[in-house]
N, C-alpha and C. Protein backbone atom coordinates (compact mmCIF):
# COMPACT_ATOMS: atom_id res chain seq x y z
N MET A 1 11.13 179.06 123.94
CA MET A 1 10.57 178.81 125.17
C MET A 1 10.41 177.29 125.10
N ASN A 2 10.54 176.98 126.71
CA ASN A 2 10.06 175.77 127.00
C ASN A 2 8.43 175.82 127.33
N MET A 3 7.83 174.34 126.52
CA MET A 3 6.30 174.01 126.70
C MET A 3 6.06 174.37 128.19
N GLN A 4 4.84 174.86 128.20
CA GLN A 4 3.76 174.94 129.45
C GLN A 4 2.45 174.44 129.14
N ILE A 5 2.54 173.20 130.40
CA ILE A 5 1.41 172.42 130.01
C ILE A 5 0.76 172.93 131.12
N GLN A 6 -0.58 173.15 130.94
CA GLN A 6 -1.72 173.58 131.86
C GLN A 6 -2.25 172.45 132.56
N ASN A 7 -2.94 171.20 131.55
CA ASN A 7 -3.67 170.65 131.79
C ASN A 7 -3.05 169.17 131.88
N THR A 8 -3.47 168.61 132.95
CA THR A 8 -2.56 167.26 132.94
C THR A 8 -3.40 166.14 133.00
N ASP A 9 -4.38 166.07 132.35
CA ASP A 9 -5.66 165.16 132.42
C ASP A 9 -5.12 163.92 131.63
N PHE A 10 -4.42 164.14 130.83
CA PHE A 10 -3.69 163.40 129.84
C PHE A 10 -3.25 162.21 130.20
N ILE A 11 -2.60 162.10 131.81
CA ILE A 11 -2.17 161.31 132.41
C ILE A 11 -3.14 160.47 133.03
N LYS A 12 -3.95 160.09 132.99
CA LYS A 12 -5.22 159.69 133.26
C LYS A 12 -5.51 158.19 132.27
N GLU A 13 -5.06 158.99 131.10
CA GLU A 13 -5.36 157.97 129.92
C GLU A 13 -4.42 156.97 129.59
N LEU A 14 -2.86 157.28 130.35
CA LEU A 14 -1.90 156.17 129.38
C LEU A 14 -2.06 155.20 130.33
N ARG A 15 -1.19 153.92 129.35
CA ARG A 15 -1.36 153.11 130.05
C ARG A 15 -0.04 152.22 130.71
N PHE A 16 0.02 152.77 132.10
CA PHE A 16 1.37 152.19 132.97
C PHE A 16 1.47 150.57 132.77
N ASN A 17 2.83 150.09 133.03
CA ASN A 17 2.62 148.89 133.19
C ASN A 17 2.25 148.33 134.55
N GLU A 18 2.35 146.71 135.23
CA GLU A 18 1.83 146.44 135.84
C GLU A 18 2.97 147.04 137.23
N LYS A 19 4.45 147.81 136.65
CA LYS A 19 4.80 148.49 137.90
C LYS A 19 4.43 149.63 138.12
N GLY A 20 3.94 150.26 137.15
CA GLY A 20 2.86 151.73 137.05
C GLY A 20 4.16 152.55 136.62
N LEU A 21 5.18 152.06 135.41
CA LEU A 21 5.72 152.32 134.74
C LEU A 21 5.34 152.84 133.20
N ILE A 22 5.90 153.35 132.63
CA ILE A 22 5.61 153.26 130.85
C ILE A 22 7.13 154.03 130.56
N PRO A 23 7.25 153.55 129.11
CA PRO A 23 8.41 154.10 128.35
C PRO A 23 8.91 155.56 127.84
N ALA A 24 9.62 156.52 128.22
CA ALA A 24 9.90 157.67 127.50
C ALA A 24 10.81 157.78 126.33
N ILE A 25 10.73 158.20 125.16
CA ILE A 25 11.20 158.18 124.25
C ILE A 25 11.76 159.76 124.24
N ALA A 26 13.12 159.98 124.68
CA ALA A 26 13.56 161.75 124.69
C ALA A 26 14.36 161.85 122.96
N GLN A 27 13.33 162.75 122.08
CA GLN A 27 13.92 162.89 120.68
C GLN A 27 14.51 164.61 120.93
N ASP A 28 15.69 165.13 120.52
CA ASP A 28 15.77 166.16 120.03
C ASP A 28 15.29 167.14 119.29
N TRP A 29 14.84 168.34 119.66
CA TRP A 29 13.76 169.34 119.60
C TRP A 29 14.13 169.86 117.91
N LEU A 30 15.27 169.95 117.24
CA LEU A 30 15.89 170.56 116.20
C LEU A 30 16.06 169.34 115.17
N ASP A 31 16.27 168.37 115.17
CA ASP A 31 16.95 167.68 114.03
C ASP A 31 16.70 166.00 114.42
N GLY A 32 15.39 165.98 115.42
CA GLY A 32 14.56 164.77 115.48
C GLY A 32 15.53 163.72 115.94
N ALA A 33 16.99 163.35 115.99
CA ALA A 33 17.21 162.24 116.27
C ALA A 33 16.75 162.10 118.24
N ILE A 34 16.92 160.79 118.14
CA ILE A 34 16.56 159.68 119.35
C ILE A 34 17.49 159.99 120.03
N LEU A 35 17.42 160.48 120.99
CA LEU A 35 18.69 160.85 122.42
C LEU A 35 18.51 159.36 123.44
N MET A 36 17.64 159.00 123.68
CA MET A 36 17.54 158.04 124.58
C MET A 36 16.36 157.33 125.35
N LEU A 37 16.18 156.45 125.94
CA LEU A 37 14.75 155.68 126.21
C LEU A 37 14.96 155.52 127.39
N ALA A 38 13.70 156.01 128.67
CA ALA A 38 14.10 155.66 130.26
C ALA A 38 12.81 155.70 130.09
N TRP A 39 12.85 155.09 131.90
CA TRP A 39 11.21 154.92 132.38
C TRP A 39 10.60 156.09 132.80
N MET A 40 8.94 156.21 133.14
CA MET A 40 8.77 157.36 134.03
C MET A 40 7.38 156.61 134.54
N ASN A 41 7.19 156.95 135.83
CA ASN A 41 5.27 156.59 136.48
C ASN A 41 4.98 158.25 136.24
N ARG A 42 3.89 158.01 137.48
CA ARG A 42 2.89 159.57 137.35
C ARG A 42 3.79 160.33 138.00
N GLU A 43 4.79 160.33 138.85
CA GLU A 43 5.33 161.12 139.74
C GLU A 43 6.34 162.32 138.78
N ALA A 44 7.06 160.95 138.14
CA ALA A 44 7.87 161.25 137.36
C ALA A 44 7.42 162.82 136.06
N ILE A 45 6.29 162.34 135.45
CA ILE A 45 5.64 163.26 134.61
C ILE A 45 4.95 164.23 134.86
N GLU A 46 4.75 163.97 136.01
CA GLU A 46 4.35 165.35 137.09
C GLU A 46 5.31 166.57 137.56
N LYS A 47 5.87 165.83 137.72
CA LYS A 47 7.56 166.62 138.01
C LYS A 47 7.97 167.14 136.90
N THR A 48 7.95 166.60 135.63
CA THR A 48 8.59 167.10 134.60
C THR A 48 7.38 168.47 133.74
N ILE A 49 6.52 168.16 133.76
CA ILE A 49 5.83 169.28 133.32
C ILE A 49 5.35 170.60 134.53
N GLU A 50 5.70 170.23 136.12
CA GLU A 50 5.87 170.94 136.77
C GLU A 50 7.22 171.88 136.72
N THR A 51 8.27 171.48 136.27
CA THR A 51 9.66 171.95 136.76
C THR A 51 9.81 172.44 135.20
N GLY A 52 9.14 171.76 133.97
CA GLY A 52 9.95 172.20 132.76
C GLY A 52 10.70 171.34 132.14
N GLU A 53 11.38 170.48 133.18
CA GLU A 53 12.75 169.66 133.28
C GLU A 53 12.79 168.40 133.44
N VAL A 54 13.26 167.33 132.67
CA VAL A 54 12.91 165.84 132.53
C VAL A 54 13.07 165.15 134.17
N HIS A 55 11.83 164.36 134.03
CA HIS A 55 12.57 163.42 135.20
C HIS A 55 11.74 162.23 135.00
N TYR A 56 12.71 161.16 135.48
CA TYR A 56 12.67 159.77 135.21
C TYR A 56 12.38 159.05 136.12
N TRP A 57 12.13 157.61 136.27
CA TRP A 57 12.17 156.59 137.25
C TRP A 57 12.88 155.99 137.37
N SER A 58 14.04 155.97 138.23
CA SER A 58 15.42 155.25 138.01
C SER A 58 14.50 153.72 138.68
N ARG A 59 14.66 152.50 137.87
CA ARG A 59 14.35 151.19 138.27
C ARG A 59 15.68 151.10 138.87
N SER A 60 16.99 151.22 138.50
CA SER A 60 17.80 150.14 139.38
C SER A 60 17.67 151.30 140.73
N ARG A 61 17.81 152.43 141.16
CA ARG A 61 17.54 152.92 142.10
C ARG A 61 16.42 152.87 142.86
N ASN A 62 15.23 152.99 142.09
CA ASN A 62 13.70 152.79 142.59
C ASN A 62 13.62 154.44 143.58
N GLU A 63 13.76 155.34 142.63
CA GLU A 63 13.67 156.54 142.99
C GLU A 63 13.59 157.56 141.58
N LEU A 64 13.29 158.57 142.06
CA LEU A 64 12.83 159.62 141.04
C LEU A 64 14.31 160.08 140.38
N TRP A 65 14.38 159.97 139.51
CA TRP A 65 15.63 160.62 139.03
C TRP A 65 15.65 162.38 137.81
N HIS A 66 16.17 163.27 138.15
CA HIS A 66 15.90 164.05 137.73
C HIS A 66 17.47 164.41 136.46
N LYS A 67 17.21 164.17 135.03
CA LYS A 67 18.13 164.25 134.45
C LYS A 67 19.23 165.41 134.49
N GLY A 68 20.18 164.80 134.52
CA GLY A 68 21.42 166.12 134.26
C GLY A 68 21.37 166.58 135.77
N GLN A 69 20.96 166.29 136.84
CA GLN A 69 20.99 166.94 138.00
C GLN A 69 22.51 167.02 138.40
N THR A 70 23.03 165.59 138.56
CA THR A 70 24.67 165.54 138.69
C THR A 70 25.54 166.42 137.77
N SER A 71 25.12 165.60 136.52
CA SER A 71 26.23 166.16 134.99
C SER A 71 25.93 167.68 134.88
N GLY A 72 24.76 167.71 134.84
CA GLY A 72 24.56 169.56 134.23
C GLY A 72 23.97 169.19 133.15
N HIS A 73 24.01 167.93 132.63
CA HIS A 73 22.84 167.57 131.21
C HIS A 73 21.85 167.27 131.21
N THR A 74 20.89 168.69 131.83
CA THR A 74 19.76 168.47 131.89
C THR A 74 19.05 168.67 130.58
N GLN A 75 17.57 167.76 131.07
CA GLN A 75 16.82 168.08 129.08
C GLN A 75 15.78 169.15 129.73
N LYS A 76 15.47 170.05 128.92
CA LYS A 76 14.30 171.31 128.68
C LYS A 76 13.42 170.28 128.04
N LEU A 77 12.26 170.99 128.79
CA LEU A 77 10.82 170.33 127.49
C LEU A 77 10.21 171.07 126.72
N LYS A 78 9.89 170.32 125.71
CA LYS A 78 9.68 171.15 124.39
C LYS A 78 8.33 170.69 124.15
N ASP A 79 8.20 169.74 124.12
CA ASP A 79 6.58 169.24 123.98
C ASP A 79 6.40 167.64 124.22
N VAL A 80 5.42 167.49 124.55
CA VAL A 80 5.13 165.55 125.30
C VAL A 80 3.82 165.15 124.01
N ARG A 81 4.11 164.18 123.38
CA ARG A 81 3.16 163.10 122.37
C ARG A 81 3.35 161.74 123.09
N ILE A 82 2.08 160.97 122.78
CA ILE A 82 1.90 159.78 123.50
C ILE A 82 1.41 158.90 121.81
N ASP A 83 1.48 157.94 122.10
CA ASP A 83 1.31 157.29 121.08
C ASP A 83 -0.01 156.65 120.79
N CYS A 84 -0.56 156.09 119.57
CA CYS A 84 -1.80 155.72 119.64
C CYS A 84 -2.50 154.77 120.24
N ASP A 85 -1.73 153.62 121.13
CA ASP A 85 -2.06 152.56 122.18
C ASP A 85 -1.84 153.51 123.83
N ARG A 86 -1.55 154.61 123.37
CA ARG A 86 -1.08 155.37 124.98
C ARG A 86 -0.26 154.43 125.71
N ASP A 87 0.70 153.89 125.48
CA ASP A 87 1.15 152.96 126.24
C ASP A 87 2.82 153.78 125.95
N VAL A 88 2.94 154.48 125.31
CA VAL A 88 4.53 154.97 125.01
C VAL A 88 4.19 156.63 125.30
N ILE A 89 5.51 157.34 125.81
CA ILE A 89 5.41 158.74 125.57
C ILE A 89 6.56 159.37 124.53
N LEU A 90 6.36 160.26 123.67
CA LEU A 90 7.06 160.96 123.36
C LEU A 90 7.87 162.07 123.58
N LEU A 91 8.75 162.11 124.31
CA LEU A 91 9.43 164.02 124.77
C LEU A 91 10.09 164.48 123.75
N THR A 92 9.37 165.78 123.23
CA THR A 92 10.84 166.09 122.27
C THR A 92 11.28 167.27 123.57
N ILE A 93 12.53 167.33 123.37
CA ILE A 93 13.72 168.14 124.44
C ILE A 93 14.65 168.90 124.18
N LYS A 94 15.46 170.04 124.72
CA LYS A 94 16.71 170.23 124.33
C LYS A 94 17.39 169.97 125.41
N GLN A 95 18.34 169.37 124.84
CA GLN A 95 19.50 168.84 125.90
C GLN A 95 20.53 169.53 125.97
N THR A 96 20.78 169.88 127.28
CA THR A 96 21.71 170.93 127.44
C THR A 96 22.94 170.10 127.59
N GLY A 97 24.24 170.73 126.92
CA GLY A 97 25.47 170.44 126.37
C GLY A 97 25.17 169.36 125.16
N LEU A 98 24.18 168.98 125.14
CA LEU A 98 24.06 167.89 123.23
C LEU A 98 24.65 166.61 123.77
N ILE A 99 24.71 166.04 125.29
CA ILE A 99 25.15 165.06 125.62
C ILE A 99 24.06 164.57 126.41
N SER A 100 23.78 163.28 126.04
CA SER A 100 22.39 162.57 127.14
C SER A 100 22.62 161.12 127.43
N CYS A 101 23.80 160.64 126.83
CA CYS A 101 23.67 159.35 127.62
C CYS A 101 25.29 159.64 128.57
N HIS A 102 25.13 158.41 129.69
CA HIS A 102 25.72 158.49 130.17
C HIS A 102 27.16 158.09 129.96
N THR A 103 27.16 157.39 129.14
CA THR A 103 29.20 157.38 128.73
C THR A 103 29.51 158.43 127.72
N GLY A 104 28.49 159.97 127.91
CA GLY A 104 29.08 161.03 127.26
C GLY A 104 28.67 161.19 125.75
N GLU A 105 28.18 160.56 125.28
CA GLU A 105 27.69 160.63 123.69
C GLU A 105 26.56 161.07 123.59
N ARG A 106 26.37 161.63 122.56
CA ARG A 106 24.90 162.63 122.24
C ARG A 106 23.74 161.80 122.73
N SER A 107 23.73 160.70 122.40
CA SER A 107 22.82 159.46 122.40
C SER A 107 22.97 158.52 123.23
N CYS A 108 21.99 157.59 123.39
CA CYS A 108 22.62 155.84 123.63
C CYS A 108 22.58 155.15 122.79
N PHE A 109 21.69 155.66 121.81
CA PHE A 109 21.75 154.89 120.13
C PHE A 109 23.20 155.26 119.38
N PHE A 110 24.17 155.00 119.95
CA PHE A 110 25.75 154.89 119.21
C PHE A 110 25.98 153.67 118.51
N ASN A 111 25.42 153.02 119.25
CA ASN A 111 26.45 151.31 118.30
C ASN A 111 25.07 151.22 117.06
N THR A 112 25.88 150.87 115.94
CA THR A 112 25.42 150.70 115.06
C THR A 112 25.63 149.24 114.28
N LEU A 113 24.27 148.32 113.96
CA LEU A 113 24.59 147.11 113.98
C LEU A 113 25.03 146.88 112.24
N ASN A 114 26.47 146.26 112.02
CA ASN A 114 27.15 145.95 110.59
C ASN A 114 26.42 144.96 110.15
N ASN A 115 25.61 144.97 108.74
CA ASN A 115 24.31 143.97 108.72
C ASN A 115 25.65 143.09 107.54
N GLN A 116 26.78 142.85 107.29
CA GLN A 116 27.38 142.15 107.18
C GLN A 116 28.26 141.03 108.33
N ASN A 117 28.59 141.23 108.97
CA ASN A 117 29.08 140.56 110.20
C ASN A 117 28.88 140.65 111.46
N LYS A 118 27.47 141.45 111.46
CA LYS A 118 26.56 141.24 112.60
C LYS A 118 27.67 141.65 113.92
N ASP A 119 28.72 142.42 113.68
CA ASP A 119 29.45 143.24 114.62
C ASP A 119 29.03 144.56 115.34
N ILE A 120 28.79 145.01 116.42
CA ILE A 120 28.78 146.10 116.52
C ILE A 120 29.95 147.34 116.62
N SER A 121 29.74 147.98 115.92
CA SER A 121 30.76 149.21 115.50
C SER A 121 30.51 150.84 116.68
N ASN A 122 31.40 151.08 117.26
CA ASN A 122 30.57 152.26 118.42
C ASN A 122 30.86 153.48 117.64
N LYS A 123 30.29 154.76 118.29
CA LYS A 123 30.79 156.03 118.35
C LYS A 123 30.21 156.67 116.97
N SER A 124 28.83 156.12 116.61
CA SER A 124 28.10 156.48 115.23
C SER A 124 26.91 157.64 115.79
N GLU A 125 27.04 158.80 115.46
CA GLU A 125 26.21 159.58 115.25
C GLU A 125 24.46 158.99 114.99
N PRO A 126 23.79 159.46 116.00
CA PRO A 126 22.19 159.29 115.78
C PRO A 126 21.72 159.59 114.42
N PRO A 127 20.80 158.92 113.77
CA PRO A 127 20.51 159.32 112.86
C PRO A 127 19.41 160.36 113.16
N SER A 128 19.78 161.34 112.00
CA SER A 128 18.63 162.71 112.24
C SER A 128 18.01 162.88 110.51
N ASP A 129 17.76 164.79 110.79
CA ASP A 129 16.90 164.83 109.29
C ASP A 129 18.14 164.79 108.26
N ALA A 130 17.53 164.71 106.96
CA ALA A 130 18.56 164.54 105.93
C ALA A 130 19.72 165.48 106.04
N CYS A 131 19.15 166.68 105.81
CA CYS A 131 19.62 167.84 106.01
C CYS A 131 21.43 168.07 106.98
N SER A 132 20.48 167.30 108.14
CA SER A 132 21.64 168.01 109.34
C SER A 132 22.33 166.61 109.28
N ASP A 133 22.31 165.53 108.33
CA ASP A 133 23.26 164.58 108.53
C ASP A 133 23.81 164.47 107.27
N LEU A 134 23.73 165.64 106.43
CA LEU A 134 24.62 165.72 105.02
C LEU A 134 25.35 167.03 105.61
N TYR A 135 25.38 167.53 106.70
CA TYR A 135 26.05 168.77 107.21
C TYR A 135 26.87 167.50 107.87
N LYS A 136 26.74 166.99 108.63
CA LYS A 136 27.72 165.86 109.24
C LYS A 136 28.62 165.33 108.91
N THR A 137 28.25 164.84 107.26
CA THR A 137 29.45 164.44 106.17
C THR A 137 30.39 165.33 106.00
N ILE A 138 29.78 166.77 105.60
CA ILE A 138 30.50 167.48 104.97
C ILE A 138 31.51 168.33 106.27
N GLU A 139 31.52 168.45 107.28
CA GLU A 139 32.25 168.69 108.75
C GLU A 139 33.10 167.72 108.69
N LYS A 140 33.13 166.30 108.52
CA LYS A 140 33.95 165.01 108.96
C LYS A 140 34.76 165.53 107.31
N ARG A 141 34.32 165.70 106.09
CA ARG A 141 35.87 165.93 105.26
C ARG A 141 36.96 166.92 105.52
N ARG A 142 36.08 168.18 106.33
CA ARG A 142 36.34 169.35 106.68
C ARG A 142 37.54 169.25 107.56
N LEU A 143 37.12 168.54 108.62
CA LEU A 143 38.06 167.90 109.56
C LEU A 143 39.38 166.76 109.02
N LYS A 144 38.81 166.04 108.04
CA LYS A 144 39.27 165.05 107.73
C LYS A 144 39.66 165.08 106.07
N PRO A 145 39.59 165.77 105.55
CA PRO A 145 39.93 165.21 103.88
C PRO A 145 40.24 164.29 103.39
N GLN A 146 39.57 163.98 101.86
CA GLN A 146 39.86 162.70 101.32
C GLN A 146 40.39 163.43 100.15
N THR A 147 40.79 162.59 99.54
CA THR A 147 41.30 162.37 98.15
C THR A 147 40.39 162.25 97.33
N GLY A 148 40.28 163.15 96.18
CA GLY A 148 39.25 163.00 95.62
C GLY A 148 37.93 163.53 95.81
N SER A 149 37.23 164.05 96.83
CA SER A 149 36.26 164.39 97.36
C SER A 149 35.64 166.19 96.75
N TYR A 150 34.87 166.18 95.99
CA TYR A 150 33.84 166.90 95.64
C TYR A 150 34.24 168.18 97.04
N THR A 151 33.85 167.94 97.89
CA THR A 151 33.58 168.61 99.34
C THR A 151 34.83 169.38 99.42
N ASN A 152 36.03 168.83 99.12
CA ASN A 152 37.21 168.89 99.69
C ASN A 152 37.74 169.82 98.60
N THR A 153 37.51 169.52 97.32
CA THR A 153 37.88 170.66 96.01
C THR A 153 36.91 172.04 96.28
N LEU A 154 36.35 172.05 96.88
CA LEU A 154 35.24 173.22 97.26
C LEU A 154 35.99 173.96 98.49
N LEU A 155 36.23 173.05 99.40
CA LEU A 155 36.92 174.08 100.85
C LEU A 155 37.74 174.70 100.60
N ALA A 156 38.96 173.51 99.87
CA ALA A 156 40.43 174.19 99.05
C ALA A 156 40.10 175.45 98.68
N GLY A 157 39.28 175.77 97.49
CA GLY A 157 38.84 176.71 96.78
C GLY A 157 38.85 178.12 97.69
N GLY A 158 38.07 177.49 99.00
CA GLY A 158 37.69 178.55 99.58
C GLY A 158 36.56 179.51 99.50
N ASP A 159 36.37 180.54 100.12
CA ASP A 159 34.78 181.45 99.30
C ASP A 159 35.03 181.75 97.39
N ASN A 160 35.66 181.92 97.51
CA ASN A 160 35.98 182.28 96.16
C ASN A 160 35.41 180.99 95.26
N GLN A 161 36.17 179.95 95.16
CA GLN A 161 35.31 178.98 94.50
C GLN A 161 33.71 178.70 95.23
N ILE A 162 33.40 178.72 96.27
CA ILE A 162 32.20 177.97 97.33
C ILE A 162 31.26 178.90 96.95
N LEU A 163 31.36 180.36 96.66
CA LEU A 163 30.46 181.44 96.55
C LEU A 163 29.64 181.22 94.96
N LYS A 164 30.85 181.27 94.39
CA LYS A 164 30.78 181.00 92.71
C LYS A 164 29.84 179.98 92.08
N LYS A 165 29.98 179.23 93.23
CA LYS A 165 28.83 177.83 93.01
C LYS A 165 27.84 177.75 93.55
N ILE A 166 27.34 179.13 94.38
CA ILE A 166 26.09 178.99 95.20
C ILE A 166 25.27 179.91 94.24
N GLY A 167 26.34 180.94 93.55
CA GLY A 167 25.43 181.78 92.53
C GLY A 167 25.11 181.26 91.10
N GLU A 168 25.82 180.14 91.09
CA GLU A 168 25.27 179.48 89.53
C GLU A 168 24.30 178.06 90.09
N GLU A 169 24.30 177.58 91.34
CA GLU A 169 23.13 176.57 91.60
C GLU A 169 22.07 177.93 92.09
N SER A 170 22.05 178.77 92.59
CA SER A 170 20.88 179.79 92.61
C SER A 170 20.30 179.85 91.32
N ALA A 171 21.11 180.52 90.59
CA ALA A 171 20.50 181.00 88.90
C ALA A 171 19.74 179.73 88.26
N GLU A 172 20.51 177.91 88.48
CA GLU A 172 19.25 176.79 88.03
C GLU A 172 18.33 176.43 88.73
N PHE A 173 18.29 177.23 90.17
CA PHE A 173 17.01 176.83 91.17
C PHE A 173 16.19 177.59 90.41
N VAL A 174 16.51 179.02 90.03
CA VAL A 174 15.59 179.65 89.62
C VAL A 174 15.16 179.62 88.05
N MET A 175 15.60 179.16 87.35
CA MET A 175 15.71 178.83 85.46
C MET A 175 14.81 177.22 85.87
N ALA A 176 14.90 176.83 87.27
CA ALA A 176 13.81 175.11 87.18
C ALA A 176 12.51 175.63 88.06
N CYS A 177 12.72 176.62 88.48
CA CYS A 177 11.04 177.14 88.94
C CYS A 177 10.34 177.86 87.94
N LYS A 178 10.83 178.80 87.02
CA LYS A 178 10.25 179.47 86.00
C LYS A 178 9.95 178.04 84.87
N ASP A 179 10.90 177.16 84.48
CA ASP A 179 10.30 176.18 83.85
C ASP A 179 9.04 175.36 84.51
N ASN A 180 8.99 175.15 85.92
CA ASN A 180 8.32 174.56 86.62
C ASN A 180 7.76 173.28 86.61
N GLU A 181 9.26 172.84 86.44
CA GLU A 181 9.93 170.83 86.43
C GLU A 181 10.02 170.61 88.00
N ASN A 182 8.84 169.91 88.59
CA ASN A 182 8.84 169.70 89.77
C ASN A 182 10.29 168.87 90.30
N ASN A 183 10.48 168.04 89.63
CA ASN A 183 11.87 167.02 89.59
C ASN A 183 13.10 168.01 89.64
N GLU A 184 13.15 168.45 88.69
CA GLU A 184 14.41 169.61 88.64
C GLU A 184 14.60 170.81 89.83
N ILE A 185 13.09 170.91 90.22
CA ILE A 185 13.13 171.85 90.90
C ILE A 185 13.70 171.73 92.58
N ALA A 186 13.44 170.39 92.68
CA ALA A 186 13.92 169.59 93.70
C ALA A 186 15.24 169.10 93.99
N ASN A 187 15.87 168.88 92.29
CA ASN A 187 17.48 168.43 92.69
C ASN A 187 18.05 169.82 92.58
N GLU A 188 17.88 170.75 91.88
CA GLU A 188 18.57 172.36 91.76
C GLU A 188 18.25 172.61 93.47
N ALA A 189 17.37 172.20 94.18
CA ALA A 189 16.96 172.81 95.49
C ALA A 189 18.21 172.39 96.57
N ALA A 190 18.22 170.97 96.26
CA ALA A 190 19.21 169.84 96.91
C ALA A 190 20.48 170.27 96.66
N ASP A 191 20.90 170.47 95.06
CA ASP A 191 22.60 171.29 94.90
C ASP A 191 22.44 172.24 95.92
N LEU A 192 21.54 173.23 95.42
CA LEU A 192 21.75 174.63 96.24
C LEU A 192 21.92 174.30 98.17
N ILE A 193 21.34 173.80 98.80
CA ILE A 193 21.33 173.59 99.99
C ILE A 193 22.83 173.10 100.12
N PHE A 194 23.14 172.05 99.55
CA PHE A 194 24.71 171.54 99.56
C PHE A 194 25.35 172.30 99.53
N HIS A 195 25.25 173.14 98.50
CA HIS A 195 26.66 174.32 98.75
C HIS A 195 26.66 175.46 99.83
N LEU A 196 25.22 175.53 99.79
CA LEU A 196 25.19 176.51 100.99
C LEU A 196 25.85 175.59 102.54
N GLN A 197 25.39 174.41 102.61
CA GLN A 197 26.37 173.66 103.52
C GLN A 197 27.92 173.98 104.16
N VAL A 198 28.47 173.78 102.59
CA VAL A 198 29.62 173.67 102.33
C VAL A 198 30.16 174.97 102.85
N ALA A 199 29.56 176.20 102.02
CA ALA A 199 29.99 177.76 102.37
C ALA A 199 29.83 177.77 104.31
N LEU A 200 29.00 176.89 105.30
CA LEU A 200 28.77 177.30 106.27
C LEU A 200 29.58 176.83 107.34
N ALA A 201 30.53 175.48 106.39
CA ALA A 201 31.15 174.52 106.98
C ALA A 201 32.29 175.13 106.69
N ASN A 202 32.90 175.71 105.62
CA ASN A 202 34.00 177.08 105.61
C ASN A 202 34.05 178.29 106.59
N HIS A 203 32.87 178.22 107.09
CA HIS A 203 33.22 179.79 108.13
C HIS A 203 32.87 178.99 109.52
N GLU A 204 32.62 177.68 109.69
CA GLU A 204 32.45 176.91 110.99
C GLU A 204 30.92 177.48 111.67
N VAL A 205 30.16 177.57 110.69
CA VAL A 205 28.72 178.06 111.46
C VAL A 205 27.92 176.22 110.97
N THR A 206 27.67 175.80 112.20
CA THR A 206 26.59 174.69 112.42
C THR A 206 25.64 174.54 111.41
N TRP A 207 25.37 173.53 110.88
CA TRP A 207 24.05 173.63 110.86
C TRP A 207 22.72 174.08 111.73
N ARG A 208 23.02 173.52 112.65
CA ARG A 208 21.97 173.25 113.76
C ARG A 208 21.97 175.02 114.15
N GLU A 209 22.80 175.61 114.04
CA GLU A 209 22.82 177.07 114.61
C GLU A 209 21.58 177.59 113.39
N VAL A 210 21.64 177.08 112.39
CA VAL A 210 20.62 177.81 111.37
C VAL A 210 19.40 177.20 111.57
N LEU A 211 19.66 175.89 112.40
CA LEU A 211 17.98 175.09 112.66
C LEU A 211 17.50 176.28 113.92
N GLU A 212 18.39 176.94 114.61
CA GLU A 212 18.07 177.94 115.80
C GLU A 212 17.61 178.72 115.24
N VAL A 213 17.88 179.49 114.69
CA VAL A 213 17.75 180.55 113.89
C VAL A 213 16.12 180.24 113.36
N LEU A 214 15.64 179.25 112.61
CA LEU A 214 15.02 179.04 112.19
C LEU A 214 13.39 178.90 113.26
N ALA A 215 13.48 178.41 114.08
CA ALA A 215 12.98 177.73 115.19
C ALA A 215 12.55 179.18 115.88
N LYS A 216 13.92 179.94 116.16
CA LYS A 216 13.08 181.36 116.78
C LYS A 216 12.15 182.21 116.42
N ARG A 217 12.02 182.17 114.81
CA ARG A 217 11.31 182.36 113.78
C ARG A 217 9.97 182.35 113.92
N LYS A 218 10.10 181.17 114.20
CA LYS A 218 8.48 180.71 114.27
C LYS A 218 7.84 180.94 115.32
N GLY A 219 6.34 181.48 114.55
CA GLY A 219 5.77 181.87 115.52
C GLY A 219 5.96 183.65 115.66
N ALA A 220 7.01 183.74 115.39
CA ALA A 220 7.33 185.60 115.50
C ALA A 220 6.52 186.70 114.80
N LYS A 221 6.27 187.58 115.49
CA LYS A 221 5.75 188.44 114.89
C LYS A 221 5.56 188.89 113.54
N ARG A 222 4.48 188.84 113.01
CA ARG A 222 5.11 189.43 111.08
C ARG A 222 5.66 190.73 111.15
N ARG A 223 6.52 190.82 110.01
CA ARG A 223 6.99 191.91 109.73
C ARG A 223 6.39 192.83 109.41
N GLN A 224 6.26 193.97 109.60
CA GLN A 224 5.58 195.13 108.96
C GLN A 224 6.20 195.94 107.62
């Protein structure tokens, strides 16, 4: 469900610039990836809250901009936050089609600065939570196998090898919990999550699908 904001009094507390604008950062509601930065005025904020779909203010066209109205890549509002100085807005959104950039990329921040030669390399996925980033790496190995890759060795063995490892890692996690060794528990949990993700990739089930299930369960009625 999209967020329903009834009280808009917070708008009065925002610190707009001399042109009546405030920067707004759009963040993915599931993995936390930063998708884009745009500008909003009071009208854009009010329209966003009223419709549940994000509206920005286009500085180039000098008009209200309903994100995705033409492309279909609309942004469903999930949450709104403001920073400590009240001069930046953080929008947690559900991006339709997983494309927020006009270039067709998922995020506008797809350029990565190479620290060695200061060049820009394109087509980089935006940083997200560690588990989501891990799955992206596993998926890349599945699509483009690399010689000597442990992930590819598991995938080549199919369910028999992958599920066997999940069983072994599960047992090791249980034993770490019984020994009450925090460092070992964390390490075994990480191993278990990795092998679970390999199994997911083997069956072409994305980590995002898992996150969506968890999100749906949040706040659900308790089982009797």
